[in-house]
mmCIF file of all heavy atoms, coordinates in Angstrom:
data_MODEL
# 
_entry.id   MODEL 
# 
loop_
_atom_site.group_PDB 
_atom_site.id 
_atom_site.type_symbol 
_atom_site.label_atom_id 
_atom_site.label_alt_id 
_atom_site.label_comp_id 
_atom_site.label_asym_id 
_atom_site.label_entity_id 
_atom_site.label_seq_id 
_atom_site.pdbx_PDB_ins_code 
_atom_site.Cartn_x 
_atom_site.Cartn_y 
_atom_site.Cartn_z 
_atom_site.occupancy 
_atom_site.B_iso_or_equiv 
_atom_site.pdbx_formal_charge 
_atom_site.auth_seq_id 
_atom_site.auth_comp_id 
_atom_site.auth_asym_id 
_atom_site.auth_atom_id 
_atom_site.pdbx_PDB_model_num 
ATOM 1   N N   . SER A 1 1  ? 10.184  -0.039  0.735   1.00 0.00 ? 1  SER A N   1 
ATOM 2   C CA  . SER A 1 1  ? 10.409  0.979   1.611   1.00 0.00 ? 1  SER A CA  1 
ATOM 3   C C   . SER A 1 1  ? 9.173   1.769   2.060   1.00 0.00 ? 1  SER A C   1 
ATOM 4   O O   . SER A 1 1  ? 9.124   2.477   3.046   1.00 0.00 ? 1  SER A O   1 
ATOM 5   C CB  . SER A 1 1  ? 11.395  1.996   1.069   1.00 0.00 ? 1  SER A CB  1 
ATOM 6   O OG  . SER A 1 1  ? 10.847  2.738   -0.077  1.00 0.00 ? 1  SER A OG  1 
ATOM 7   N N   . MET A 1 2  ? 8.124   1.589   1.204   1.00 0.00 ? 2  MET A N   1 
ATOM 8   C CA  . MET A 1 2  ? 6.855   2.328   1.411   1.00 0.00 ? 2  MET A CA  1 
ATOM 9   C C   . MET A 1 2  ? 6.240   1.867   2.799   1.00 0.00 ? 2  MET A C   1 
ATOM 10  O O   . MET A 1 2  ? 5.380   2.560   3.319   1.00 0.00 ? 2  MET A O   1 
ATOM 11  C CB  . MET A 1 2  ? 5.882   1.999   0.283   1.00 0.00 ? 2  MET A CB  1 
ATOM 12  C CG  . MET A 1 2  ? 4.685   2.919   0.227   1.00 0.00 ? 2  MET A CG  1 
ATOM 13  S SD  . MET A 1 2  ? 3.826   2.704   -1.362  1.00 0.00 ? 2  MET A SD  1 
ATOM 14  C CE  . MET A 1 2  ? 2.236   3.395   -0.946  1.00 0.00 ? 2  MET A CE  1 
ATOM 15  N N   . ALA A 1 3  ? 6.654   0.752   3.237   1.00 0.00 ? 3  ALA A N   1 
ATOM 16  C CA  . ALA A 1 3  ? 6.209   0.265   4.622   1.00 0.00 ? 3  ALA A CA  1 
ATOM 17  C C   . ALA A 1 3  ? 6.594   1.253   5.715   1.00 0.00 ? 3  ALA A C   1 
ATOM 18  O O   . ALA A 1 3  ? 5.940   1.253   6.802   1.00 0.00 ? 3  ALA A O   1 
ATOM 19  C CB  . ALA A 1 3  ? 6.785   -1.120  4.937   1.00 0.00 ? 3  ALA A CB  1 
ATOM 20  N N   . ASN A 1 4  ? 7.589   2.126   5.459   1.00 0.00 ? 4  ASN A N   1 
ATOM 21  C CA  . ASN A 1 4  ? 7.949   3.185   6.424   1.00 0.00 ? 4  ASN A CA  1 
ATOM 22  C C   . ASN A 1 4  ? 6.971   4.322   6.463   1.00 0.00 ? 4  ASN A C   1 
ATOM 23  O O   . ASN A 1 4  ? 7.016   5.136   7.327   1.00 0.00 ? 4  ASN A O   1 
ATOM 24  C CB  . ASN A 1 4  ? 9.329   3.636   6.135   1.00 0.00 ? 4  ASN A CB  1 
ATOM 25  C CG  . ASN A 1 4  ? 10.344  2.624   6.236   1.00 0.00 ? 4  ASN A CG  1 
ATOM 26  O OD1 . ASN A 1 4  ? 10.267  1.713   7.109   1.00 0.00 ? 4  ASN A OD1 1 
ATOM 27  N ND2 . ASN A 1 4  ? 11.449  2.645   5.363   1.00 0.00 ? 4  ASN A ND2 1 
ATOM 28  N N   . CYS A 1 5  ? 6.048   4.434   5.480   1.00 0.00 ? 5  CYS A N   1 
ATOM 29  C CA  . CYS A 1 5  ? 5.145   5.500   5.393   1.00 0.00 ? 5  CYS A CA  1 
ATOM 30  C C   . CYS A 1 5  ? 3.929   5.274   6.379   1.00 0.00 ? 5  CYS A C   1 
ATOM 31  O O   . CYS A 1 5  ? 2.762   5.066   5.950   1.00 0.00 ? 5  CYS A O   1 
ATOM 32  C CB  . CYS A 1 5  ? 4.631   5.677   3.993   1.00 0.00 ? 5  CYS A CB  1 
ATOM 33  S SG  . CYS A 1 5  ? 5.915   6.082   2.739   1.00 0.00 ? 5  CYS A SG  1 
ATOM 34  N N   . THR A 1 6  ? 4.239   5.229   7.650   1.00 0.00 ? 6  THR A N   1 
ATOM 35  C CA  . THR A 1 6  ? 3.225   4.766   8.627   1.00 0.00 ? 6  THR A CA  1 
ATOM 36  C C   . THR A 1 6  ? 2.203   5.857   9.034   1.00 0.00 ? 6  THR A C   1 
ATOM 37  O O   . THR A 1 6  ? 1.311   5.536   9.802   1.00 0.00 ? 6  THR A O   1 
ATOM 38  C CB  . THR A 1 6  ? 4.013   4.345   9.879   1.00 0.00 ? 6  THR A CB  1 
ATOM 39  O OG1 . THR A 1 6  ? 4.824   5.406   10.342  1.00 0.00 ? 6  THR A OG1 1 
ATOM 40  C CG2 . THR A 1 6  ? 4.804   3.116   9.684   1.00 0.00 ? 6  THR A CG2 1 
ATOM 41  N N   . ASN A 1 7  ? 2.289   7.033   8.407   1.00 0.00 ? 7  ASN A N   1 
ATOM 42  C CA  . ASN A 1 7  ? 1.268   8.022   8.601   1.00 0.00 ? 7  ASN A CA  1 
ATOM 43  C C   . ASN A 1 7  ? 0.207   8.010   7.434   1.00 0.00 ? 7  ASN A C   1 
ATOM 44  O O   . ASN A 1 7  ? -0.787  8.823   7.566   1.00 0.00 ? 7  ASN A O   1 
ATOM 45  C CB  . ASN A 1 7  ? 1.793   9.435   8.733   1.00 0.00 ? 7  ASN A CB  1 
ATOM 46  C CG  . ASN A 1 7  ? 2.435   9.627   10.035  1.00 0.00 ? 7  ASN A CG  1 
ATOM 47  O OD1 . ASN A 1 7  ? 1.812   9.513   11.112  1.00 0.00 ? 7  ASN A OD1 1 
ATOM 48  N ND2 . ASN A 1 7  ? 3.772   9.963   10.104  1.00 0.00 ? 7  ASN A ND2 1 
ATOM 49  N N   . LEU A 1 8  ? 0.290   7.124   6.489   1.00 0.00 ? 8  LEU A N   1 
ATOM 50  C CA  . LEU A 1 8  ? -0.676  7.040   5.348   1.00 0.00 ? 8  LEU A CA  1 
ATOM 51  C C   . LEU A 1 8  ? -2.054  6.704   5.947   1.00 0.00 ? 8  LEU A C   1 
ATOM 52  O O   . LEU A 1 8  ? -2.261  5.767   6.638   1.00 0.00 ? 8  LEU A O   1 
ATOM 53  C CB  . LEU A 1 8  ? -0.228  5.976   4.402   1.00 0.00 ? 8  LEU A CB  1 
ATOM 54  C CG  . LEU A 1 8  ? 0.750   6.448   3.291   1.00 0.00 ? 8  LEU A CG  1 
ATOM 55  C CD1 . LEU A 1 8  ? 1.235   5.358   2.454   1.00 0.00 ? 8  LEU A CD1 1 
ATOM 56  C CD2 . LEU A 1 8  ? 0.071   7.537   2.406   1.00 0.00 ? 8  LEU A CD2 1 
ATOM 57  N N   . GLU A 1 9  ? -3.001  7.493   5.482   1.00 0.00 ? 9  GLU A N   1 
ATOM 58  C CA  . GLU A 1 9  ? -4.381  7.289   5.924   1.00 0.00 ? 9  GLU A CA  1 
ATOM 59  C C   . GLU A 1 9  ? -5.240  6.934   4.712   1.00 0.00 ? 9  GLU A C   1 
ATOM 60  O O   . GLU A 1 9  ? -6.198  6.143   4.855   1.00 0.00 ? 9  GLU A O   1 
ATOM 61  C CB  . GLU A 1 9  ? -4.954  8.505   6.600   1.00 0.00 ? 9  GLU A CB  1 
ATOM 62  C CG  . GLU A 1 9  ? -4.235  8.933   7.821   1.00 0.00 ? 9  GLU A CG  1 
ATOM 63  C CD  . GLU A 1 9  ? -4.637  10.313  8.424   1.00 0.00 ? 9  GLU A CD  1 
ATOM 64  O OE1 . GLU A 1 9  ? -5.664  10.859  7.931   1.00 0.00 ? 9  GLU A OE1 1 
ATOM 65  O OE2 . GLU A 1 9  ? -4.045  10.822  9.359   1.00 0.00 ? 9  GLU A OE2 1 
ATOM 66  N N   . LEU A 1 10 ? -5.000  7.482   3.591   1.00 0.00 ? 10 LEU A N   1 
ATOM 67  C CA  . LEU A 1 10 ? -5.759  7.177   2.359   1.00 0.00 ? 10 LEU A CA  1 
ATOM 68  C C   . LEU A 1 10 ? -4.823  6.825   1.194   1.00 0.00 ? 10 LEU A C   1 
ATOM 69  O O   . LEU A 1 10 ? -3.942  7.567   0.901   1.00 0.00 ? 10 LEU A O   1 
ATOM 70  C CB  . LEU A 1 10 ? -6.635  8.469   1.949   1.00 0.00 ? 10 LEU A CB  1 
ATOM 71  C CG  . LEU A 1 10 ? -7.597  8.289   0.817   1.00 0.00 ? 10 LEU A CG  1 
ATOM 72  C CD1 . LEU A 1 10 ? -8.816  9.162   1.002   1.00 0.00 ? 10 LEU A CD1 1 
ATOM 73  C CD2 . LEU A 1 10 ? -6.907  8.594   -0.522  1.00 0.00 ? 10 LEU A CD2 1 
ATOM 74  N N   . VAL A 1 11 ? -5.085  5.755   0.566   1.00 0.00 ? 11 VAL A N   1 
ATOM 75  C CA  . VAL A 1 11 ? -4.242  5.220   -0.495  1.00 0.00 ? 11 VAL A CA  1 
ATOM 76  C C   . VAL A 1 11 ? -5.136  4.800   -1.661  1.00 0.00 ? 11 VAL A C   1 
ATOM 77  O O   . VAL A 1 11 ? -6.022  3.851   -1.502  1.00 0.00 ? 11 VAL A O   1 
ATOM 78  C CB  . VAL A 1 11 ? -3.316  4.071   -0.093  1.00 0.00 ? 11 VAL A CB  1 
ATOM 79  C CG1 . VAL A 1 11 ? -2.499  3.562   -1.344  1.00 0.00 ? 11 VAL A CG1 1 
ATOM 80  C CG2 . VAL A 1 11 ? -2.389  4.549   0.999   1.00 0.00 ? 11 VAL A CG2 1 
ATOM 81  N N   . ARG A 1 12 ? -4.906  5.298   -2.812  1.00 0.00 ? 12 ARG A N   1 
ATOM 82  C CA  . ARG A 1 12 ? -5.712  4.937   -4.070  1.00 0.00 ? 12 ARG A CA  1 
ATOM 83  C C   . ARG A 1 12 ? -4.755  4.179   -5.076  1.00 0.00 ? 12 ARG A C   1 
ATOM 84  O O   . ARG A 1 12 ? -3.767  4.771   -5.551  1.00 0.00 ? 12 ARG A O   1 
ATOM 85  C CB  . ARG A 1 12 ? -6.389  6.130   -4.743  1.00 0.00 ? 12 ARG A CB  1 
ATOM 86  C CG  . ARG A 1 12 ? -7.345  6.829   -3.814  1.00 0.00 ? 12 ARG A CG  1 
ATOM 87  C CD  . ARG A 1 12 ? -8.546  6.043   -3.765  1.00 0.00 ? 12 ARG A CD  1 
ATOM 88  N NE  . ARG A 1 12 ? -9.653  6.676   -3.036  1.00 0.00 ? 12 ARG A NE  1 
ATOM 89  C CZ  . ARG A 1 12 ? -10.220 6.297   -1.912  1.00 0.00 ? 12 ARG A CZ  1 
ATOM 90  N NH1 . ARG A 1 12 ? -9.687  5.279   -1.251  1.00 0.00 ? 12 ARG A NH1 1 
ATOM 91  N NH2 . ARG A 1 12 ? -11.248 6.984   -1.394  1.00 0.00 ? 12 ARG A NH2 1 
ATOM 92  N N   . LEU A 1 13 ? -4.998  2.958   -5.310  1.00 0.00 ? 13 LEU A N   1 
ATOM 93  C CA  . LEU A 1 13 ? -4.120  2.099   -6.138  1.00 0.00 ? 13 LEU A CA  1 
ATOM 94  C C   . LEU A 1 13 ? -4.931  1.422   -7.255  1.00 0.00 ? 13 LEU A C   1 
ATOM 95  O O   . LEU A 1 13 ? -4.335  0.623   -8.022  1.00 0.00 ? 13 LEU A O   1 
ATOM 96  C CB  . LEU A 1 13 ? -3.473  1.022   -5.303  1.00 0.00 ? 13 LEU A CB  1 
ATOM 97  C CG  . LEU A 1 13 ? -2.488  1.438   -4.208  1.00 0.00 ? 13 LEU A CG  1 
ATOM 98  C CD1 . LEU A 1 13 ? -2.172  0.280   -3.304  1.00 0.00 ? 13 LEU A CD1 1 
ATOM 99  C CD2 . LEU A 1 13 ? -1.199  2.058   -4.800  1.00 0.00 ? 13 LEU A CD2 1 
ATOM 100 N N   . SER A 1 14 ? -6.127  1.809   -7.471  1.00 0.00 ? 14 SER A N   1 
ATOM 101 C CA  . SER A 1 14 ? -7.001  1.211   -8.498  1.00 0.00 ? 14 SER A CA  1 
ATOM 102 C C   . SER A 1 14 ? -6.449  1.473   -9.949  1.00 0.00 ? 14 SER A C   1 
ATOM 103 O O   . SER A 1 14 ? -5.708  2.447   -10.087 1.00 0.00 ? 14 SER A O   1 
ATOM 104 C CB  . SER A 1 14 ? -8.407  1.692   -8.443  1.00 0.00 ? 14 SER A CB  1 
ATOM 105 O OG  . SER A 1 14 ? -8.998  1.396   -7.092  1.00 0.00 ? 14 SER A OG  1 
ATOM 106 N N   . ALA A 1 15 ? -6.796  0.585   -10.800 1.00 0.00 ? 15 ALA A N   1 
ATOM 107 C CA  . ALA A 1 15 ? -6.499  0.739   -12.213 1.00 0.00 ? 15 ALA A CA  1 
ATOM 108 C C   . ALA A 1 15 ? -5.005  0.832   -12.433 1.00 0.00 ? 15 ALA A C   1 
ATOM 109 O O   . ALA A 1 15 ? -4.488  1.723   -13.142 1.00 0.00 ? 15 ALA A O   1 
ATOM 110 C CB  . ALA A 1 15 ? -7.209  1.922   -12.821 1.00 0.00 ? 15 ALA A CB  1 
ATOM 111 N N   . ASN A 1 16 ? -4.223  -0.088  -11.860 1.00 0.00 ? 16 ASN A N   1 
ATOM 112 C CA  . ASN A 1 16 ? -2.810  -0.220  -12.079 1.00 0.00 ? 16 ASN A CA  1 
ATOM 113 C C   . ASN A 1 16 ? -2.510  -1.629  -12.662 1.00 0.00 ? 16 ASN A C   1 
ATOM 114 O O   . ASN A 1 16 ? -3.433  -2.328  -13.058 1.00 0.00 ? 16 ASN A O   1 
ATOM 115 C CB  . ASN A 1 16 ? -2.012  0.088   -10.873 1.00 0.00 ? 16 ASN A CB  1 
ATOM 116 C CG  . ASN A 1 16 ? -1.718  1.586   -10.660 1.00 0.00 ? 16 ASN A CG  1 
ATOM 117 O OD1 . ASN A 1 16 ? -0.824  2.210   -11.392 1.00 0.00 ? 16 ASN A OD1 1 
ATOM 118 N ND2 . ASN A 1 16 ? -2.481  2.215   -9.823  1.00 0.00 ? 16 ASN A ND2 1 
ATOM 119 N N   . ASN A 1 17 ? -1.260  -2.047  -12.559 1.00 0.00 ? 17 ASN A N   1 
ATOM 120 C CA  . ASN A 1 17 ? -0.865  -3.414  -12.961 1.00 0.00 ? 17 ASN A CA  1 
ATOM 121 C C   . ASN A 1 17 ? -0.315  -4.295  -11.817 1.00 0.00 ? 17 ASN A C   1 
ATOM 122 O O   . ASN A 1 17 ? 0.531   -5.160  -12.082 1.00 0.00 ? 17 ASN A O   1 
ATOM 123 C CB  . ASN A 1 17 ? 0.121   -3.386  -14.149 1.00 0.00 ? 17 ASN A CB  1 
ATOM 124 C CG  . ASN A 1 17 ? -0.493  -2.792  -15.418 1.00 0.00 ? 17 ASN A CG  1 
ATOM 125 O OD1 . ASN A 1 17 ? -1.659  -2.969  -15.659 1.00 0.00 ? 17 ASN A OD1 1 
ATOM 126 N ND2 . ASN A 1 17 ? 0.315   -2.042  -16.161 1.00 0.00 ? 17 ASN A ND2 1 
ATOM 127 N N   . LEU A 1 18 ? -0.731  -3.976  -10.637 1.00 0.00 ? 18 LEU A N   1 
ATOM 128 C CA  . LEU A 1 18 ? -0.225  -4.673  -9.390  1.00 0.00 ? 18 LEU A CA  1 
ATOM 129 C C   . LEU A 1 18 ? -0.564  -6.132  -9.528  1.00 0.00 ? 18 LEU A C   1 
ATOM 130 O O   . LEU A 1 18 ? -1.747  -6.460  -9.933  1.00 0.00 ? 18 LEU A O   1 
ATOM 131 C CB  . LEU A 1 18 ? -0.741  -4.100  -8.114  1.00 0.00 ? 18 LEU A CB  1 
ATOM 132 C CG  . LEU A 1 18 ? -0.331  -2.652  -7.804  1.00 0.00 ? 18 LEU A CG  1 
ATOM 133 C CD1 . LEU A 1 18 ? -1.131  -2.096  -6.632  1.00 0.00 ? 18 LEU A CD1 1 
ATOM 134 C CD2 . LEU A 1 18 ? 1.151   -2.497  -7.731  1.00 0.00 ? 18 LEU A CD2 1 
ATOM 135 N N   . THR A 1 19 ? 0.297   -7.031  -9.202  1.00 0.00 ? 19 THR A N   1 
ATOM 136 C CA  . THR A 1 19 ? 0.110   -8.503  -9.246  1.00 0.00 ? 19 THR A CA  1 
ATOM 137 C C   . THR A 1 19 ? -0.380  -9.083  -7.984  1.00 0.00 ? 19 THR A C   1 
ATOM 138 O O   . THR A 1 19 ? -0.770  -10.205 -7.908  1.00 0.00 ? 19 THR A O   1 
ATOM 139 C CB  . THR A 1 19 ? 1.355   -9.224  -9.806  1.00 0.00 ? 19 THR A CB  1 
ATOM 140 O OG1 . THR A 1 19 ? 2.370   -8.936  -8.912  1.00 0.00 ? 19 THR A OG1 1 
ATOM 141 C CG2 . THR A 1 19 ? 1.704   -8.766  -11.159 1.00 0.00 ? 19 THR A CG2 1 
ATOM 142 N N   . LYS A 1 20 ? -0.225  -8.265  -6.871  1.00 0.00 ? 20 LYS A N   1 
ATOM 143 C CA  . LYS A 1 20 ? -0.639  -8.735  -5.543  1.00 0.00 ? 20 LYS A CA  1 
ATOM 144 C C   . LYS A 1 20 ? -0.791  -7.606  -4.587  1.00 0.00 ? 20 LYS A C   1 
ATOM 145 O O   . LYS A 1 20 ? -0.490  -6.464  -4.918  1.00 0.00 ? 20 LYS A O   1 
ATOM 146 C CB  . LYS A 1 20 ? 0.513   -9.738  -5.033  1.00 0.00 ? 20 LYS A CB  1 
ATOM 147 C CG  . LYS A 1 20 ? 1.832   -9.078  -4.800  1.00 0.00 ? 20 LYS A CG  1 
ATOM 148 C CD  . LYS A 1 20 ? 2.853   -9.978  -4.139  1.00 0.00 ? 20 LYS A CD  1 
ATOM 149 C CE  . LYS A 1 20 ? 4.139   -9.201  -3.890  1.00 0.00 ? 20 LYS A CE  1 
ATOM 150 N NZ  . LYS A 1 20 ? 5.128   -10.007 -3.172  1.00 0.00 ? 20 LYS A NZ  1 
ATOM 151 N N   . LEU A 1 21 ? -1.372  -7.908  -3.426  1.00 0.00 ? 21 LEU A N   1 
ATOM 152 C CA  . LEU A 1 21 ? -1.336  -6.970  -2.291  1.00 0.00 ? 21 LEU A CA  1 
ATOM 153 C C   . LEU A 1 21 ? -0.192  -7.286  -1.365  1.00 0.00 ? 21 LEU A C   1 
ATOM 154 O O   . LEU A 1 21 ? -0.148  -8.385  -0.825  1.00 0.00 ? 21 LEU A O   1 
ATOM 155 C CB  . LEU A 1 21 ? -2.722  -7.058  -1.559  1.00 0.00 ? 21 LEU A CB  1 
ATOM 156 C CG  . LEU A 1 21 ? -3.880  -6.237  -2.159  1.00 0.00 ? 21 LEU A CG  1 
ATOM 157 C CD1 . LEU A 1 21 ? -5.035  -6.397  -1.098  1.00 0.00 ? 21 LEU A CD1 1 
ATOM 158 C CD2 . LEU A 1 21 ? -3.555  -4.746  -2.259  1.00 0.00 ? 21 LEU A CD2 1 
ATOM 159 N N   . ASP A 1 22 ? 0.644   -6.326  -1.073  1.00 0.00 ? 22 ASP A N   1 
ATOM 160 C CA  . ASP A 1 22 ? 1.705   -6.549  -0.138  1.00 0.00 ? 22 ASP A CA  1 
ATOM 161 C C   . ASP A 1 22 ? 1.223   -6.603  1.243   1.00 0.00 ? 22 ASP A C   1 
ATOM 162 O O   . ASP A 1 22 ? 0.342   -5.780  1.646   1.00 0.00 ? 22 ASP A O   1 
ATOM 163 C CB  . ASP A 1 22 ? 2.809   -5.424  -0.285  1.00 0.00 ? 22 ASP A CB  1 
ATOM 164 C CG  . ASP A 1 22 ? 3.447   -5.473  -1.597  1.00 0.00 ? 22 ASP A CG  1 
ATOM 165 O OD1 . ASP A 1 22 ? 4.138   -6.461  -1.765  1.00 0.00 ? 22 ASP A OD1 1 
ATOM 166 O OD2 . ASP A 1 22 ? 3.361   -4.466  -2.364  1.00 0.00 ? 22 ASP A OD2 1 
ATOM 167 N N   . GLY A 1 23 ? 1.713   -7.511  2.052   1.00 0.00 ? 23 GLY A N   1 
ATOM 168 C CA  . GLY A 1 23 ? 1.264   -7.634  3.432   1.00 0.00 ? 23 GLY A CA  1 
ATOM 169 C C   . GLY A 1 23 ? 1.532   -6.382  4.243   1.00 0.00 ? 23 GLY A C   1 
ATOM 170 O O   . GLY A 1 23 ? 0.684   -6.034  5.076   1.00 0.00 ? 23 GLY A O   1 
ATOM 171 N N   . TRP A 1 24 ? 2.668   -5.723  4.079   1.00 0.00 ? 24 TRP A N   1 
ATOM 172 C CA  . TRP A 1 24 ? 2.922   -4.529  4.846   1.00 0.00 ? 24 TRP A CA  1 
ATOM 173 C C   . TRP A 1 24 ? 1.870   -3.449  4.516   1.00 0.00 ? 24 TRP A C   1 
ATOM 174 O O   . TRP A 1 24 ? 1.656   -2.616  5.469   1.00 0.00 ? 24 TRP A O   1 
ATOM 175 C CB  . TRP A 1 24 ? 4.284   -3.959  4.498   1.00 0.00 ? 24 TRP A CB  1 
ATOM 176 C CG  . TRP A 1 24 ? 4.647   -3.628  3.069   1.00 0.00 ? 24 TRP A CG  1 
ATOM 177 C CD1 . TRP A 1 24 ? 5.267   -4.420  2.263   1.00 0.00 ? 24 TRP A CD1 1 
ATOM 178 C CD2 . TRP A 1 24 ? 4.224   -2.489  2.342   1.00 0.00 ? 24 TRP A CD2 1 
ATOM 179 N NE1 . TRP A 1 24 ? 5.366   -3.817  0.969   1.00 0.00 ? 24 TRP A NE1 1 
ATOM 180 C CE2 . TRP A 1 24 ? 4.719   -2.635  1.070   1.00 0.00 ? 24 TRP A CE2 1 
ATOM 181 C CE3 . TRP A 1 24 ? 3.489   -1.353  2.674   1.00 0.00 ? 24 TRP A CE3 1 
ATOM 182 C CZ2 . TRP A 1 24 ? 4.440   -1.650  0.016   1.00 0.00 ? 24 TRP A CZ2 1 
ATOM 183 C CZ3 . TRP A 1 24 ? 3.246   -0.358  1.728   1.00 0.00 ? 24 TRP A CZ3 1 
ATOM 184 C CH2 . TRP A 1 24 ? 3.702   -0.579  0.403   1.00 0.00 ? 24 TRP A CH2 1 
ATOM 185 N N   . LEU A 1 25 ? 1.361   -3.391  3.362   1.00 0.00 ? 25 LEU A N   1 
ATOM 186 C CA  . LEU A 1 25 ? 0.300   -2.401  3.091   1.00 0.00 ? 25 LEU A CA  1 
ATOM 187 C C   . LEU A 1 25 ? -0.893  -2.544  3.970   1.00 0.00 ? 25 LEU A C   1 
ATOM 188 O O   . LEU A 1 25 ? -1.456  -1.499  4.520   1.00 0.00 ? 25 LEU A O   1 
ATOM 189 C CB  . LEU A 1 25 ? -0.126  -2.519  1.639   1.00 0.00 ? 25 LEU A CB  1 
ATOM 190 C CG  . LEU A 1 25 ? -1.255  -1.560  1.122   1.00 0.00 ? 25 LEU A CG  1 
ATOM 191 C CD1 . LEU A 1 25 ? -0.767  -0.129  1.127   1.00 0.00 ? 25 LEU A CD1 1 
ATOM 192 C CD2 . LEU A 1 25 ? -1.778  -1.905  -0.229  1.00 0.00 ? 25 LEU A CD2 1 
ATOM 193 N N   . LEU A 1 26 ? -1.323  -3.722  4.263   1.00 0.00 ? 26 LEU A N   1 
ATOM 194 C CA  . LEU A 1 26 ? -2.484  -4.031  5.101   1.00 0.00 ? 26 LEU A CA  1 
ATOM 195 C C   . LEU A 1 26 ? -2.146  -3.885  6.555   1.00 0.00 ? 26 LEU A C   1 
ATOM 196 O O   . LEU A 1 26 ? -3.043  -4.013  7.403   1.00 0.00 ? 26 LEU A O   1 
ATOM 197 C CB  . LEU A 1 26 ? -3.072  -5.361  4.808   1.00 0.00 ? 26 LEU A CB  1 
ATOM 198 C CG  . LEU A 1 26 ? -3.381  -5.715  3.316   1.00 0.00 ? 26 LEU A CG  1 
ATOM 199 C CD1 . LEU A 1 26 ? -3.965  -7.089  3.117   1.00 0.00 ? 26 LEU A CD1 1 
ATOM 200 C CD2 . LEU A 1 26 ? -4.287  -4.622  2.758   1.00 0.00 ? 26 LEU A CD2 1 
ATOM 201 N N   . GLU A 1 27 ? -0.902  -3.602  6.901   1.00 0.00 ? 27 GLU A N   1 
ATOM 202 C CA  . GLU A 1 27 ? -0.500  -3.420  8.263   1.00 0.00 ? 27 GLU A CA  1 
ATOM 203 C C   . GLU A 1 27 ? -0.208  -1.942  8.620   1.00 0.00 ? 27 GLU A C   1 
ATOM 204 O O   . GLU A 1 27 ? 0.116   -1.691  9.845   1.00 0.00 ? 27 GLU A O   1 
ATOM 205 C CB  . GLU A 1 27 ? 0.808   -4.275  8.602   1.00 0.00 ? 27 GLU A CB  1 
ATOM 206 C CG  . GLU A 1 27 ? 0.630   -5.772  8.416   1.00 0.00 ? 27 GLU A CG  1 
ATOM 207 C CD  . GLU A 1 27 ? -0.253  -6.380  9.599   1.00 0.00 ? 27 GLU A CD  1 
ATOM 208 O OE1 . GLU A 1 27 ? -0.323  -5.721  10.628  1.00 0.00 ? 27 GLU A OE1 1 
ATOM 209 O OE2 . GLU A 1 27 ? -0.696  -7.500  9.478   1.00 0.00 ? 27 GLU A OE2 1 
ATOM 210 N N   . LEU A 1 28 ? -0.320  -1.084  7.715   1.00 0.00 ? 28 LEU A N   1 
ATOM 211 C CA  . LEU A 1 28 ? -0.113  0.324   8.010   1.00 0.00 ? 28 LEU A CA  1 
ATOM 212 C C   . LEU A 1 28 ? -1.113  0.764   9.107   1.00 0.00 ? 28 LEU A C   1 
ATOM 213 O O   . LEU A 1 28 ? -2.332  0.693   8.936   1.00 0.00 ? 28 LEU A O   1 
ATOM 214 C CB  . LEU A 1 28 ? -0.230  1.194   6.735   1.00 0.00 ? 28 LEU A CB  1 
ATOM 215 C CG  . LEU A 1 28 ? 0.757   1.018   5.665   1.00 0.00 ? 28 LEU A CG  1 
ATOM 216 C CD1 . LEU A 1 28 ? 0.388   1.802   4.405   1.00 0.00 ? 28 LEU A CD1 1 
ATOM 217 C CD2 . LEU A 1 28 ? 2.128   1.412   6.122   1.00 0.00 ? 28 LEU A CD2 1 
# 
């Protein structure tokens, strides 16, 4: 659902346990 956050300008995701980069994230 985070793909709906289309006003996001800055996102910090470092130092987590993510297993991949979601395609929708790179399309915001």
